[in-house]
PDB file of N, CA and C in Angstrom:
ATOM      1  N   MET A   1      -1.280  -0.058  -6.843  1.00  0.00           N
ATOM      2  CA  MET A   1      -2.268  -1.041  -7.237  1.00  0.00           C
ATOM      3  C   MET A   1      -3.172   0.419  -8.537  1.00  0.00           C
ATOM      4  N   CYS A   2      -3.440  -0.404  -9.596  1.00  0.00           N
ATOM      5  CA  CYS A   2      -4.480   0.560 -10.222  1.00  0.00           C
ATOM      6  C   CYS A   2      -6.099   0.346  -9.708  1.00  0.00           C
ATOM      7  N   PRO A   3      -6.805   1.190  -9.951  1.00  0.00           N
ATOM      8  CA  PRO A   3      -8.167   1.915  -9.565  1.00  0.00           C
ATOM      9  C   PRO A   3      -8.608   0.590 -10.820  1.00  0.00           C
ATOM     10  N   GLY A   4      -9.812   0.096 -10.063  1.00  0.00           N
ATOM     11  CA  GLY A   4     -10.779  -1.450 -10.734  1.00  0.00           C
ATOM     12  C   GLY A   4      -9.489  -2.262 -11.348  1.00  0.00           C
ATOM     13  N   ILE A   5      -8.632  -2.146 -10.170  1.00  0.00           N
ATOM     14  CA  ILE A   5      -7.946  -3.700 -10.934  1.00  0.00           C
ATOM     15  C   ILE A   5      -7.153  -4.249  -9.991  1.00  0.00           C
ATOM     16  N   GLY A   6      -7.920  -5.597  -9.255  1.00  0.00           N
ATOM     17  CA  GLY A   6      -8.087  -6.501  -8.610  1.00  0.00           C
ATOM     18  C   GLY A   6      -8.020  -6.763  -6.984  1.00  0.00           C
ATOM     19  N   THR A   7      -7.219  -6.856  -6.700  1.00  0.00           N
ATOM     20  CA  THR A   7      -6.948  -6.036  -4.383  1.00  0.00           C
ATOM     21  C   THR A   7      -5.979  -6.792  -4.511  1.00  0.00           C
ATOM     22  N   ARG A   8      -5.594  -6.615  -3.360  1.00  0.00           N
ATOM     23  CA  ARG A   8      -4.298  -6.499  -2.502  1.00  0.00           C
ATOM     24  C   ARG A   8      -5.011  -7.419  -0.913  1.00  0.00           C
ATOM     25  N   MET A   9      -4.264  -8.105  -0.694  1.00  0.00           N
ATOM     26  CA  MET A   9      -4.285  -8.748   1.219  1.00  0.00           C
ATOM     27  C   MET A   9      -2.947  -8.921   1.625  1.00  0.00           C
ATOM     28  N   SER A  10      -2.587  -8.242   3.106  1.00  0.00           N
ATOM     29  CA  SER A  10      -1.594  -8.497   3.767  1.00  0.00           C
ATOM     30  C   SER A  10      -2.273  -8.719   5.178  1.00  0.00           C
ATOM     31  N   ASP A  11      -1.092  -9.942   5.831  1.00  0.00           N
ATOM     32  CA  ASP A  11      -1.354  -9.971   6.674  1.00  0.00           C
ATOM     33  C   ASP A  11       0.236  -9.922   7.646  1.00  0.00           C
ATOM     34  N   GLN A  12       0.078 -10.325   8.952  1.00  0.00           N
ATOM     35  CA  GLN A  12       1.477  -9.677   9.748  1.00  0.00           C
ATOM     36  C   GLN A  12       2.397 -10.943   9.447  1.00  0.00           C
ATOM     37  N   ALA A  13       3.376 -10.741  10.215  1.00  0.00           N
ATOM     38  CA  ALA A  13       4.793 -11.998   9.773  1.00  0.00           C
ATOM     39  C   ALA A  13       4.617 -13.063   9.525  1.00  0.00           C
ATOM     40  N   GLU A  14       3.419 -14.105  10.320  1.00  0.00           N
ATOM     41  CA  GLU A  14       3.287 -15.612  11.174  1.00  0.00           C
ATOM     42  C   GLU A  14       1.804 -15.567  10.577  1.00  0.00           C
ATOM     43  N   PRO A  15       1.459 -15.962   9.454  1.00  0.00           N
ATOM     44  CA  PRO A  15       0.147 -16.426   8.537  1.00  0.00           C
ATOM     45  C   PRO A  15      -0.551 -17.065   9.630  1.00  0.00           C
ATOM     46  N   SER A  16      -0.055 -18.447  10.406  1.00  0.00           N
ATOM     47  CA  SER A  16      -0.768 -19.495  10.554  1.00  0.00           C
ATOM     48  C   SER A  16      -0.733 -19.070  11.711  1.00  0.00           C
ATOM     49  N   HIS A  17      -0.656 -17.626  12.900  1.00  0.00           N
ATOM     50  CA  HIS A  17      -1.258 -17.002  14.300  1.00  0.00           C
ATOM     51  C   HIS A  17      -2.922 -16.910  13.980  1.00  0.00           C
ATOM     52  N   HIS A  18      -3.636 -17.514  14.603  1.00  0.00           N
ATOM     53  CA  HIS A  18      -5.007 -17.125  14.708  1.00  0.00           C
ATOM     54  C   HIS A  18      -5.022 -15.664  15.156  1.00  0.00           C
ATOM     55  N   ASN A  19      -4.659 -14.799  15.366  1.00  0.00           N
ATOM     56  CA  ASN A  19      -4.831 -13.234  15.684  1.00  0.00           C
ATOM     57  C   ASN A  19      -3.943 -12.694  14.542  1.00  0.00           C
ATOM     58  N   VAL A  20      -4.757 -12.909  13.052  1.00  0.00           N
ATOM     59  CA  VAL A  20      -3.937 -11.844  11.780  1.00  0.00           C
ATOM     60  C   VAL A  20      -4.946 -10.913  11.912  1.00  0.00           C
ATOM     61  N   LEU A  21      -5.027  -9.838  11.234  1.00  0.00           N
ATOM     62  CA  LEU A  21      -5.245  -9.218  11.035  1.00  0.00           C
ATOM     63  C   LEU A  21      -5.206  -9.275   9.364  1.00  0.00           C
ATOM     64  N   HIS A  22      -6.547  -9.288   8.345  1.00  0.00           N
ATOM     65  CA  HIS A  22      -6.602  -8.844   7.269  1.00  0.00           C
ATOM     66  C   HIS A  22      -7.218  -7.888   6.236  1.00  0.00           C
ATOM     67  N   VAL A  23      -5.669  -7.366   6.131  1.00  0.00           N
ATOM     68  CA  VAL A  23      -6.689  -6.003   4.570  1.00  0.00           C
ATOM     69  C   VAL A  23      -6.741  -6.598   3.626  1.00  0.00           C
ATOM     70  N   GLU A  24      -7.621  -6.359   3.160  1.00  0.00           N
ATOM     71  CA  GLU A  24      -8.797  -5.571   1.557  1.00  0.00           C
ATOM     72  C   GLU A  24      -8.406  -4.642   1.055  1.00  0.00           C
ATOM     73  N   GLU A  25      -8.140  -4.532  -0.171  1.00  0.00           N
ATOM     74  CA  GLU A  25      -8.524  -3.068  -0.162  1.00  0.00           C
ATOM     75  C   GLU A  25      -9.311  -3.532  -2.387  1.00  0.00           C
ATOM     76  N   LYS A  26     -10.096  -3.028  -2.353  1.00  0.00           N
ATOM     77  CA  LYS A  26     -11.104  -3.083  -3.608  1.00  0.00           C
ATOM     78  C   LYS A  26     -11.843  -1.948  -4.321  1.00  0.00           C
ATOM     79  N   TYR A  27     -11.888  -1.975  -5.511  1.00  0.00           N
ATOM     80  CA  TYR A  27     -11.998  -0.100  -6.097  1.00  0.00           C
ATOM     81  C   TYR A  27     -13.466  -0.661  -6.651  1.00  0.00           C
ATOM     82  N   ASP A  28     -14.376   0.853  -6.848  1.00  0.00           N
ATOM     83  CA  ASP A  28     -15.291   0.665  -7.995  1.00  0.00           C
ATOM     84  C   ASP A  28     -15.817   2.108  -8.024  1.00  0.00           C
ATOM     85  N   ASP A  29     -15.112   2.650  -9.587  1.00  0.00           N
ATOM     86  CA  ASP A  29     -14.964   4.344  -9.947  1.00  0.00           C
ATOM     87  C   ASP A  29     -14.317   4.742  -8.502  1.00  0.00           C
ATOM     88  N   ASP A  30     -15.137   5.366  -8.250  1.00  0.00           N
ATOM     89  CA  ASP A  30     -14.479   6.755  -7.159  1.00  0.00           C
ATOM     90  C   ASP A  30     -14.126   6.531  -5.809  1.00  0.00           C
ATOM     91  N   GLU A  31     -15.056   5.212  -5.581  1.00  0.00           N
ATOM     92  CA  GLU A  31     -14.857   4.533  -3.710  1.00  0.00           C
ATOM     93  C   GLU A  31     -14.105   3.993  -3.657  1.00  0.00           C
ATOM     94  N   ALA A  32     -13.169   4.095  -2.654  1.00  0.00           N
ATOM     95  CA  ALA A  32     -12.208   2.979  -2.554  1.00  0.00           C
ATOM     96  C   ALA A  32     -12.657   2.000  -0.940  1.00  0.00           C
ATOM     97  N   THR A  33     -13.017   0.618  -1.047  1.00  0.00           N
ATOM     98  CA  THR A  33     -13.016   0.058  -0.052  1.00  0.00           C
ATOM     99  C   THR A  33     -12.250  -0.844   0.814  1.00  0.00           C
ATOM    100  N   ILE A  34     -12.092  -0.136   2.322  1.00  0.00           N
ATOM    101  CA  ILE A  34     -10.682  -1.447   2.953  1.00  0.00           C
ATOM    102  C   ILE A  34     -11.516  -2.092   3.356  1.00  0.00           C
ATOM    103  N   VAL A  35     -11.579  -3.426   3.505  1.00  0.00           N
ATOM    104  CA  VAL A  35     -12.182  -4.866   4.104  1.00  0.00           C
ATOM    105  C   VAL A  35     -11.213  -5.184   5.276  1.00  0.00           C
ATOM    106  N   ILE A  36     -11.702  -4.952   6.142  1.00  0.00           N
ATOM    107  CA  ILE A  36     -10.626  -5.675   7.162  1.00  0.00           C
ATOM    108  C   ILE A  36     -11.621  -6.894   8.318  1.00  0.00           C
ATOM    109  N   VAL A  37     -10.018  -8.156   8.428  1.00  0.00           N
ATOM    110  CA  VAL A  37     -11.225  -8.879   9.094  1.00  0.00           C
ATOM    111  C   VAL A  37      -9.888  -9.945   9.593  1.00  0.00           C
ATOM    112  N   GLY A  38      -9.993 -10.025  11.173  1.00  0.00           N
ATOM    113  CA  GLY A  38      -9.686 -10.539  12.410  1.00  0.00           C
ATOM    114  C   GLY A  38      -9.938 -10.100  13.346  1.00  0.00           C
ATOM    115  N   GLU A  39      -8.403  -9.954  14.202  1.00  0.00           N
ATOM    116  CA  GLU A  39      -7.973  -9.021  15.187  1.00  0.00           C
ATOM    117  C   GLU A  39      -7.650  -8.128  14.660  1.00  0.00           C
ATOM    118  N   PHE A  40      -7.314  -6.689  15.996  1.00  0.00           N
ATOM    119  CA  PHE A  40      -7.430  -5.509  14.898  1.00  0.00           C
ATOM    120  C   PHE A  40      -6.749  -5.089  16.565  1.00  0.00           C
ATOM    121  N   ASP A  41      -4.835  -5.594  16.635  1.00  0.00           N
ATOM    122  CA  ASP A  41      -3.862  -4.737  17.596  1.00  0.00           C
ATOM    123  C   ASP A  41      -2.830  -4.266  16.773  1.00  0.00           C
ATOM    124  N   LEU A  42      -1.781  -4.391  17.366  1.00  0.00           N
ATOM    125  CA  LEU A  42      -0.664  -3.064  16.932  1.00  0.00           C
ATOM    126  C   LEU A  42      -0.307  -3.517  16.441  1.00  0.00           C
ATOM    127  N   THR A  43      -0.418  -5.144  16.646  1.00  0.00           N
ATOM    128  CA  THR A  43       0.129  -5.500  15.321  1.00  0.00           C
ATOM    129  C   THR A  43      -0.301  -5.610  13.635  1.00  0.00           C
ATOM    130  N   GLY A  44      -1.778  -5.152  13.386  1.00  0.00           N
ATOM    131  CA  GLY A  44      -2.160  -4.985  12.476  1.00  0.00           C
ATOM    132  C   GLY A  44      -2.458  -3.246  12.117  1.00  0.00           C
ATOM    133  N   THR A  45      -1.145  -2.578  12.723  1.00  0.00           N
ATOM    134  CA  THR A  45      -1.126  -1.799  12.714  1.00  0.00           C
ATOM    135  C   THR A  45      -0.520  -1.039  11.420  1.00  0.00           C
ATOM    136  N   GLU A  46       0.861  -1.231  11.381  1.00  0.00           N
ATOM    137  CA  GLU A  46       1.481  -1.362   9.969  1.00  0.00           C
ATOM    138  C   GLU A  46       0.418  -1.653   8.962  1.00  0.00           C
ATOM    139  N   PRO A  47      -0.346  -2.870   7.980  1.00  0.00           N
ATOM    140  CA  PRO A  47      -0.347  -3.159   7.547  1.00  0.00           C
ATOM    141  C   PRO A  47      -1.607  -2.614   6.838  1.00  0.00           C
ATOM    142  N   PHE A  48      -2.420  -2.444   8.311  1.00  0.00           N
ATOM    143  CA  PHE A  48      -3.521  -1.384   7.871  1.00  0.00           C
ATOM    144  C   PHE A  48      -3.068  -0.138   7.608  1.00  0.00           C
ATOM    145  N   SER A  49      -2.068   0.685   7.945  1.00  0.00           N
ATOM    146  CA  SER A  49      -2.061   2.482   7.892  1.00  0.00           C
ATOM    147  C   SER A  49      -1.133   2.032   5.893  1.00  0.00           C
ATOM    148  N   GLY A  50      -0.550   0.913   5.730  1.00  0.00           N
ATOM    149  CA  GLY A  50       0.214   1.214   4.490  1.00  0.00           C
ATOM    150  C   GLY A  50      -0.927   0.743   3.532  1.00  0.00           C
ATOM    151  N   THR A  51      -2.071  -0.625   3.777  1.00  0.00           N
ATOM    152  CA  THR A  51      -2.879  -0.100   2.787  1.00  0.00           C
ATOM    153  C   THR A  51      -3.910   1.528   2.987  1.00  0.00           C
ATOM    154  N   VAL A  52      -3.997   1.922   3.744  1.00  0.00           N
ATOM    155  CA  VAL A  52      -4.493   3.172   3.331  1.00  0.00           C
ATOM    156  C   VAL A  52      -3.526   4.499   2.781  1.00  0.00           C
ATOM    157  N   ASP A  53      -2.822   4.633   2.465  1.00  0.00           N
ATOM    158  CA  ASP A  53      -1.605   5.371   2.786  1.00  0.00           C
ATOM    159  C   ASP A  53      -1.798   4.782   0.918  1.00  0.00           C
ATOM    160  N   GLU A  54      -2.167   3.591   0.324  1.00  0.00           N
ATOM    161  CA  GLU A  54      -2.174   3.138  -1.032  1.00  0.00           C
ATOM    162  C   GLU A  54      -3.573   3.049  -1.618  1.00  0.00           C
ATOM    163  N   VAL A  55      -4.215   3.641  -1.653  1.00  0.00           N
ATOM    164  CA  VAL A  55      -5.323   3.645  -1.217  1.00  0.00           C
ATOM    165  C   VAL A  55      -5.876   5.144  -1.582  1.00  0.00           C
ATOM    166  N   LEU A  56      -5.113   6.344  -0.844  1.00  0.00           N
ATOM    167  CA  LEU A  56      -5.407   8.232  -0.484  1.00  0.00           C
ATOM    168  C   LEU A  56      -4.874   7.985  -1.825  1.00  0.00           C
ATOM    169  N   ALA A  57      -3.367   6.888  -2.414  1.00  0.00           N
ATOM    170  CA  ALA A  57      -2.122   7.096  -2.974  1.00  0.00           C
ATOM    171  C   ALA A  57      -3.386   7.593  -4.707  1.00  0.00           C
ATOM    172  N   THR A  58      -4.329   6.403  -4.301  1.00  0.00           N
ATOM    173  CA  THR A  58      -5.330   6.841  -5.611  1.00  0.00           C
ATOM    174  C   THR A  58      -6.578   7.676  -5.838  1.00  0.00           C
ATOM    175  N   ARG A  59      -6.511   8.615  -5.017  1.00  0.00           N
ATOM    176  CA  ARG A  59      -6.932   9.476  -4.720  1.00  0.00           C
ATOM    177  C   ARG A  59      -9.041   9.367  -4.762  1.00  0.00           C
ATOM    178  N   PRO A  60      -9.237   8.750  -4.148  1.00  0.00           N
ATOM    179  CA  PRO A  60     -10.835   7.936  -4.450  1.00  0.00           C
ATOM    180  C   PRO A  60     -11.767   9.517  -4.107  1.00  0.00           C
ATOM    181  N   GLU A  61     -12.959   9.872  -4.170  1.00  0.00           N
ATOM    182  CA  GLU A  61     -13.973  10.699  -3.545  1.00  0.00           C
ATOM    183  C   GLU A  61     -13.780  10.264  -2.159  1.00  0.00           C
ATOM    184  N   SER A  62     -14.264   8.846  -2.079  1.00  0.00           N
ATOM    185  CA  SER A  62     -14.464   8.413  -1.122  1.00  0.00           C
ATOM    186  C   SER A  62     -14.128   6.723  -0.796  1.00  0.00           C
ATOM    187  N   VAL A  63     -13.332   6.548   1.003  1.00  0.00           N
ATOM    188  CA  VAL A  63     -13.153   5.772   0.911  1.00  0.00           C
ATOM    189  C   VAL A  63     -14.056   4.907   2.381  1.00  0.00           C
ATOM    190  N   VAL A  64     -14.699   3.905   1.532  1.00  0.00           N
ATOM    191  CA  VAL A  64     -15.088   3.001   2.562  1.00  0.00           C
ATOM    192  C   VAL A  64     -14.675   1.681   3.458  1.00  0.00           C
ATOM    193  N   LEU A  65     -14.878   1.314   4.755  1.00  0.00           N
ATOM    194  CA  LEU A  65     -14.128   0.353   5.520  1.00  0.00           C
ATOM    195  C   LEU A  65     -15.673   0.120   6.089  1.00  0.00           C
ATOM    196  N   GLU A  66     -14.186  -1.763   5.544  1.00  0.00           N
ATOM    197  CA  GLU A  66     -15.945  -2.305   5.833  1.00  0.00           C
ATOM    198  C   GLU A  66     -15.274  -3.558   6.671  1.00  0.00           C
ATOM    199  N   ALA A  67     -15.921  -3.450   8.484  1.00  0.00           N
ATOM    200  CA  ALA A  67     -15.573  -3.698   9.593  1.00  0.00           C
ATOM    201  C   ALA A  67     -16.275  -4.968   9.462  1.00  0.00           C
ATOM    202  N   ARG A  68     -17.238  -5.227   8.986  1.00  0.00           N
ATOM    203  CA  ARG A  68     -18.420  -6.240  10.111  1.00  0.00           C
ATOM    204  C   ARG A  68     -16.960  -7.635  10.468  1.00  0.00           C
ATOM    205  N   GLY A  69     -16.534  -8.287   9.685  1.00  0.00           N
ATOM    206  CA  GLY A  69     -15.740  -8.722  10.130  1.00  0.00           C
ATOM    207  C   GLY A  69     -14.507  -9.267  11.185  1.00  0.00           C
ATOM    208  N   LEU A  70     -14.955  -7.502  11.836  1.00  0.00           N
ATOM    209  CA  LEU A  70     -13.762  -7.840  12.723  1.00  0.00           C
ATOM    210  C   LEU A  70     -14.037  -8.863  13.926  1.00  0.00           C
ATOM    211  N   THR A  71     -12.908  -9.467  14.721  1.00  0.00           N
ATOM    212  CA  THR A  71     -13.515  -9.936  15.868  1.00  0.00           C
ATOM    213  C   THR A  71     -12.756  -9.857  17.618  1.00  0.00           C
ATOM    214  N   PHE A  72     -11.927  -8.459  17.621  1.00  0.00           N
ATOM    215  CA  PHE A  72     -11.231  -7.897  18.415  1.00  0.00           C
ATOM    216  C   PHE A  72     -10.673  -7.023  18.098  1.00  0.00           C
ATOM    217  N   ILE A  73     -10.992  -5.976  18.466  1.00  0.00           N
ATOM    218  CA  ILE A  73      -9.771  -4.454  18.259  1.00  0.00           C
ATOM    219  C   ILE A  73      -9.906  -3.891  19.469  1.00  0.00           C
ATOM    220  N   ASP A  74      -8.352  -3.861  19.888  1.00  0.00           N
ATOM    221  CA  ASP A  74      -7.644  -2.836  21.085  1.00  0.00           C
ATOM    222  C   ASP A  74      -8.277  -1.197  20.341  1.00  0.00           C
ATOM    223  N   SER A  75      -7.187  -0.521  21.930  1.00  0.00           N
ATOM    224  CA  SER A  75      -6.763   0.497  21.598  1.00  0.00           C
ATOM    225  C   SER A  75      -6.236   1.225  20.007  1.00  0.00           C
ATOM    226  N   SER A  76      -4.724   0.471  20.077  1.00  0.00           N
ATOM    227  CA  SER A  76      -4.378   0.486  18.424  1.00  0.00           C
ATOM    228  C   SER A  76      -4.752   0.851  17.541  1.00  0.00           C
ATOM    229  N   GLY A  77      -6.022  -0.175  17.310  1.00  0.00           N
ATOM    230  CA  GLY A  77      -7.158  -0.468  16.222  1.00  0.00           C
ATOM    231  C   GLY A  77      -7.912   0.697  16.364  1.00  0.00           C
ATOM    232  N   LEU A  78      -7.911   0.894  16.981  1.00  0.00           N
ATOM    233  CA  LEU A  78      -8.995   2.417  17.284  1.00  0.00           C
ATOM    234  C   LEU A  78      -8.192   3.507  17.010  1.00  0.00           C
ATOM    235  N   MET A  79      -6.990   3.550  16.792  1.00  0.00           N
ATOM    236  CA  MET A  79      -6.022   5.407  17.104  1.00  0.00           C
ATOM    237  C   MET A  79      -5.838   4.876  15.834  1.00  0.00           C
ATOM    238  N   ALA A  80      -5.614   4.329  14.693  1.00  0.00           N
ATOM    239  CA  ALA A  80      -5.272   3.564  13.439  1.00  0.00           C
ATOM    240  C   ALA A  80      -6.550   4.047  12.377  1.00  0.00           C
ATOM    241  N   LEU A  81      -7.481   3.229  13.244  1.00  0.00           N
ATOM    242  CA  LEU A  81      -9.035   4.058  12.287  1.00  0.00           C
ATOM    243  C   LEU A  81      -9.431   5.509  12.479  1.00  0.00           C
ATOM    244  N   MET A  82      -8.721   5.858  13.403  1.00  0.00           N
ATOM    245  CA  MET A  82      -9.376   7.347  13.567  1.00  0.00           C
ATOM    246  C   MET A  82      -8.141   8.707  12.765  1.00  0.00           C
ATOM    247  N   ARG A  83      -6.795   8.178  12.486  1.00  0.00           N
ATOM    248  CA  ARG A  83      -5.954   8.710  11.601  1.00  0.00           C
ATOM    249  C   ARG A  83      -6.630   8.356  10.263  1.00  0.00           C
ATOM    250  N   ALA A  84      -6.724   7.192   9.828  1.00  0.00           N
ATOM    251  CA  ALA A  84      -7.157   6.776   8.766  1.00  0.00           C
ATOM    252  C   ALA A  84      -8.531   7.606   8.662  1.00  0.00           C
ATOM    253  N   ARG A  85     -10.096   7.828   9.049  1.00  0.00           N
ATOM    254  CA  ARG A  85     -10.588   8.771   9.070  1.00  0.00           C
ATOM    255  C   ARG A  85      -9.759  10.204   8.842  1.00  0.00           C
ATOM    256  N   ASP A  86      -8.395  10.464   9.847  1.00  0.00           N
ATOM    257  CA  ASP A  86      -7.732  11.714   9.558  1.00  0.00           C
ATOM    258  C   ASP A  86      -7.497  11.998   8.270  1.00  0.00           C
ATOM    259  N   ALA A  87      -6.794  11.352   7.449  1.00  0.00           N
ATOM    260  CA  ALA A  87      -6.091  10.716   6.207  1.00  0.00           C
ATOM    261  C   ALA A  87      -6.939  11.442   4.878  1.00  0.00           C
ATOM    262  N   ALA A  88      -8.245  10.475   5.127  1.00  0.00           N
ATOM    263  CA  ALA A  88      -9.179  10.402   4.137  1.00  0.00           C
ATOM    264  C   ALA A  88      -9.694  12.263   3.708  1.00  0.00           C
ATOM    265  N   THR A  89     -10.069  12.441   5.332  1.00  0.00           N
ATOM    266  CA  THR A  89     -10.594  14.009   5.401  1.00  0.00           C
ATOM    267  C   THR A  89      -8.908  14.727   4.645  1.00  0.00           C
ATOM    268  N   GLU A  90      -7.845  14.467   5.658  1.00  0.00           N
ATOM    269  CA  GLU A  90      -6.760  15.475   4.763  1.00  0.00           C
ATOM    270  C   GLU A  90      -6.921  14.668   3.290  1.00  0.00           C
ATOM    271  N   ALA A  91      -6.556  14.530   3.172  1.00  0.00           N
ATOM    272  CA  ALA A  91      -6.705  13.961   0.847  1.00  0.00           C
ATOM    273  C   ALA A  91      -7.723  14.622   0.605  1.00  0.00           C
ATOM    274  N   GLY A  92      -9.368  14.679   0.690  1.00  0.00           N
ATOM    275  CA  GLY A  92     -10.255  15.437   0.754  1.00  0.00           C
ATOM    276  C   GLY A  92     -11.352  14.367   0.164  1.00  0.00           C
ATOM    277  N   ALA A  93     -10.545  13.495   0.817  1.00  0.00           N
ATOM    278  CA  ALA A  93     -11.927  12.099   0.417  1.00  0.00           C
ATOM    279  C   ALA A  93     -12.816  11.623   1.776  1.00  0.00           C
ATOM    280  N   ALA A  94     -14.326  12.072   2.086  1.00  0.00           N
ATOM    281  CA  ALA A  94     -15.216  11.341   2.628  1.00  0.00           C
ATOM    282  C   ALA A  94     -14.815   9.905   3.374  1.00  0.00           C
ATOM    283  N   PHE A  95     -15.278   9.575   4.387  1.00  0.00           N
ATOM    284  CA  PHE A  95     -14.468   8.557   5.107  1.00  0.00           C
ATOM    285  C   PHE A  95     -15.572   7.734   5.758  1.00  0.00           C
ATOM    286  N   ARG A  96     -16.410   6.573   5.891  1.00  0.00           N
ATOM    287  CA  ARG A  96     -17.307   6.324   6.543  1.00  0.00           C
ATOM    288  C   ARG A  96     -16.595   4.868   7.433  1.00  0.00           C
ATOM    289  N   ILE A  97     -17.234   4.197   7.787  1.00  0.00           N
ATOM    290  CA  ILE A  97     -16.675   2.991   8.480  1.00  0.00           C
ATOM    291  C   ILE A  97     -18.559   2.554   7.809  1.00  0.00           C
ATOM    292  N   ASP A  98     -18.406   1.485   7.239  1.00  0.00           N
ATOM    293  CA  ASP A  98     -19.833   0.260   7.028  1.00  0.00           C
ATOM    294  C   ASP A  98     -20.218  -1.114   8.480  1.00  0.00           C
ATOM    295  N   GLU A  99     -21.376  -1.143   8.069  1.00  0.00           N
ATOM    296  CA  GLU A  99     -21.149  -2.322   9.219  1.00  0.00           C
ATOM    297  C   GLU A  99     -20.121  -3.182  10.395  1.00  0.00           C
ATOM    298  N   PRO A 100     -20.092  -2.155  10.904  1.00  0.00           N
ATOM    299  CA  PRO A 100     -18.589  -2.291  12.300  1.00  0.00           C
ATOM    300  C   PRO A 100     -19.943  -3.577  12.730  1.00  0.00           C
ATOM    301  N   SER A 101     -18.262  -4.608  13.272  1.00  0.00           N
ATOM    302  CA  SER A 101     -18.098  -5.605  13.673  1.00  0.00           C
ATOM    303  C   SER A 101     -19.215  -5.026  15.899  1.00  0.00           C
ATOM    304  N   PRO A 102     -19.745  -6.498  16.195  1.00  0.00           N
ATOM    305  CA  PRO A 102     -20.259  -5.814  17.518  1.00  0.00           C
ATOM    306  C   PRO A 102     -18.977  -5.508  18.393  1.00  0.00           C
ATOM    307  N   ALA A 103     -17.690  -5.963  17.882  1.00  0.00           N
ATOM    308  CA  ALA A 103     -16.281  -5.406  19.290  1.00  0.00           C
ATOM    309  C   ALA A 103     -15.917  -4.828  18.583  1.00  0.00           C
ATOM    310  N   LEU A 104     -16.402  -4.031  17.504  1.00  0.00           N
ATOM    311  CA  LEU A 104     -16.376  -2.486  17.005  1.00  0.00           C
ATOM    312  C   LEU A 104     -16.879  -1.263  17.562  1.00  0.00           C
ATOM    313  N   ARG A 105     -18.644  -1.454  17.498  1.00  0.00           N
ATOM    314  CA  ARG A 105     -18.994  -1.178  18.123  1.00  0.00           C
ATOM    315  C   ARG A 105     -18.696  -0.856  19.892  1.00  0.00           C
ATOM    316  N   ARG A 106     -18.324  -2.193  20.694  1.00  0.00           N
ATOM    317  CA  ARG A 106     -18.681  -1.878  22.064  1.00  0.00           C
ATOM    318  C   ARG A 106     -16.765  -1.058  22.394  1.00  0.00           C
ATOM    319  N   ILE A 107     -16.333  -0.723  21.665  1.00  0.00           N
ATOM    320  CA  ILE A 107     -15.001  -0.037  21.934  1.00  0.00           C
ATOM    321  C   ILE A 107     -15.343   1.021  21.615  1.00  0.00           C
ATOM    322  N   VAL A 108     -16.029   1.107  20.587  1.00  0.00           N
ATOM    323  CA  VAL A 108     -16.346   3.378  19.985  1.00  0.00           C
ATOM    324  C   VAL A 108     -17.078   3.520  21.408  1.00  0.00           C
ATOM    325  N   GLU A 109     -18.161   2.327  21.921  1.00  0.00           N
ATOM    326  CA  GLU A 109     -18.770   3.088  22.584  1.00  0.00           C
ATOM    327  C   GLU A 109     -18.643   3.599  24.387  1.00  0.00           C
ATOM    328  N   ILE A 110     -17.004   2.653  24.262  1.00  0.00           N
ATOM    329  CA  ILE A 110     -16.055   2.715  25.425  1.00  0.00           C
ATOM    330  C   ILE A 110     -15.610   3.780  25.650  1.00  0.00           C
ATOM    331  N   SER A 111     -14.826   4.175  24.459  1.00  0.00           N
ATOM    332  CA  SER A 111     -14.049   5.304  24.649  1.00  0.00           C
ATOM    333  C   SER A 111     -14.389   6.450  24.350  1.00  0.00           C
ATOM    334  N   GLY A 112     -15.359   6.197  23.856  1.00  0.00           N
ATOM    335  CA  GLY A 112     -16.742   7.750  23.275  1.00  0.00           C
ATOM    336  C   GLY A 112     -16.870   8.282  22.168  1.00  0.00           C
ATOM    337  N   LEU A 113     -16.572   7.506  21.248  1.00  0.00           N
ATOM    338  CA  LEU A 113     -16.022   7.879  19.919  1.00  0.00           C
ATOM    339  C   LEU A 113     -17.584   7.258  19.253  1.00  0.00           C
ATOM    340  N   GLU A 114     -18.094   7.364  19.175  1.00  0.00           N
ATOM    341  CA  GLU A 114     -19.625   7.154  19.171  1.00  0.00           C
ATOM    342  C   GLU A 114     -19.568   8.305  17.128  1.00  0.00           C
ATOM    343  N   ASP A 115     -19.169   9.046  16.920  1.00  0.00           N
ATOM    344  CA  ASP A 115     -18.772   9.816  15.658  1.00  0.00           C
ATOM    345  C   ASP A 115     -18.690   9.148  14.895  1.00  0.00           C
ATOM    346  N   LEU A 116     -17.188   8.531  15.185  1.00  0.00           N
ATOM    347  CA  LEU A 116     -16.064   7.201  14.024  1.00  0.00           C
ATOM    348  C   LEU A 116     -17.489   6.180  13.611  1.00  0.00           C
ATOM    349  N   LEU A 117     -18.527   6.041  13.899  1.00  0.00           N
ATOM    350  CA  LEU A 117     -19.610   5.215  13.237  1.00  0.00           C
ATOM    351  C   LEU A 117     -20.506   5.721  12.712  1.00  0.00           C
ATOM    352  N   PRO A 118     -20.918   5.092  11.524  1.00  0.00           N
ATOM    353  CA  PRO A 118     -22.702   5.777  10.608  1.00  0.00           C
ATOM    354  C   PRO A 118     -23.866   6.154  11.961  1.00  0.00           C
ATOM    355  N   ALA A 119     -24.709   6.629  11.991  1.00  0.00           N
ATOM    356  CA  ALA A 119     -25.660   6.997  12.497  1.00  0.00           C
ATOM    357  C   ALA A 119     -26.876   5.810  12.104  1.00  0.00           C
ATOM    358  N   GLU A 120     -27.383   5.546  13.944  1.00  0.00           N
ATOM    359  CA  GLU A 120     -28.661   4.154  13.189  1.00  0.00           C
ATOM    360  C   GLU A 120     -29.939   5.083  12.884  1.00  0.00           C
TER     361      GLU A 120
END
């Protein structure tokens, strides 16, 4: 997908299942935004990581993760977020999480990874 043109949605194999993670990418100039909505567990890591790879292939200056729609996240989802941050950094792109959901805030606090979230 080319920067500035459209969006793409990814779901796990069973879209009727209630715990689907929806992943959408958006582009605005040199910034890419990845929107995640739903439950982020092991089944969502592959579509999320694929989207991160696609976004980084466009060589954005920054990657923003919009996470206000996360209703659940487990350790595999948290690990995928940390890998996304590391991949963005390695690619020379700034990485930040905007509007973290209460579920994301809670797991970050429990795990001691507060540096993953923006300072308040």
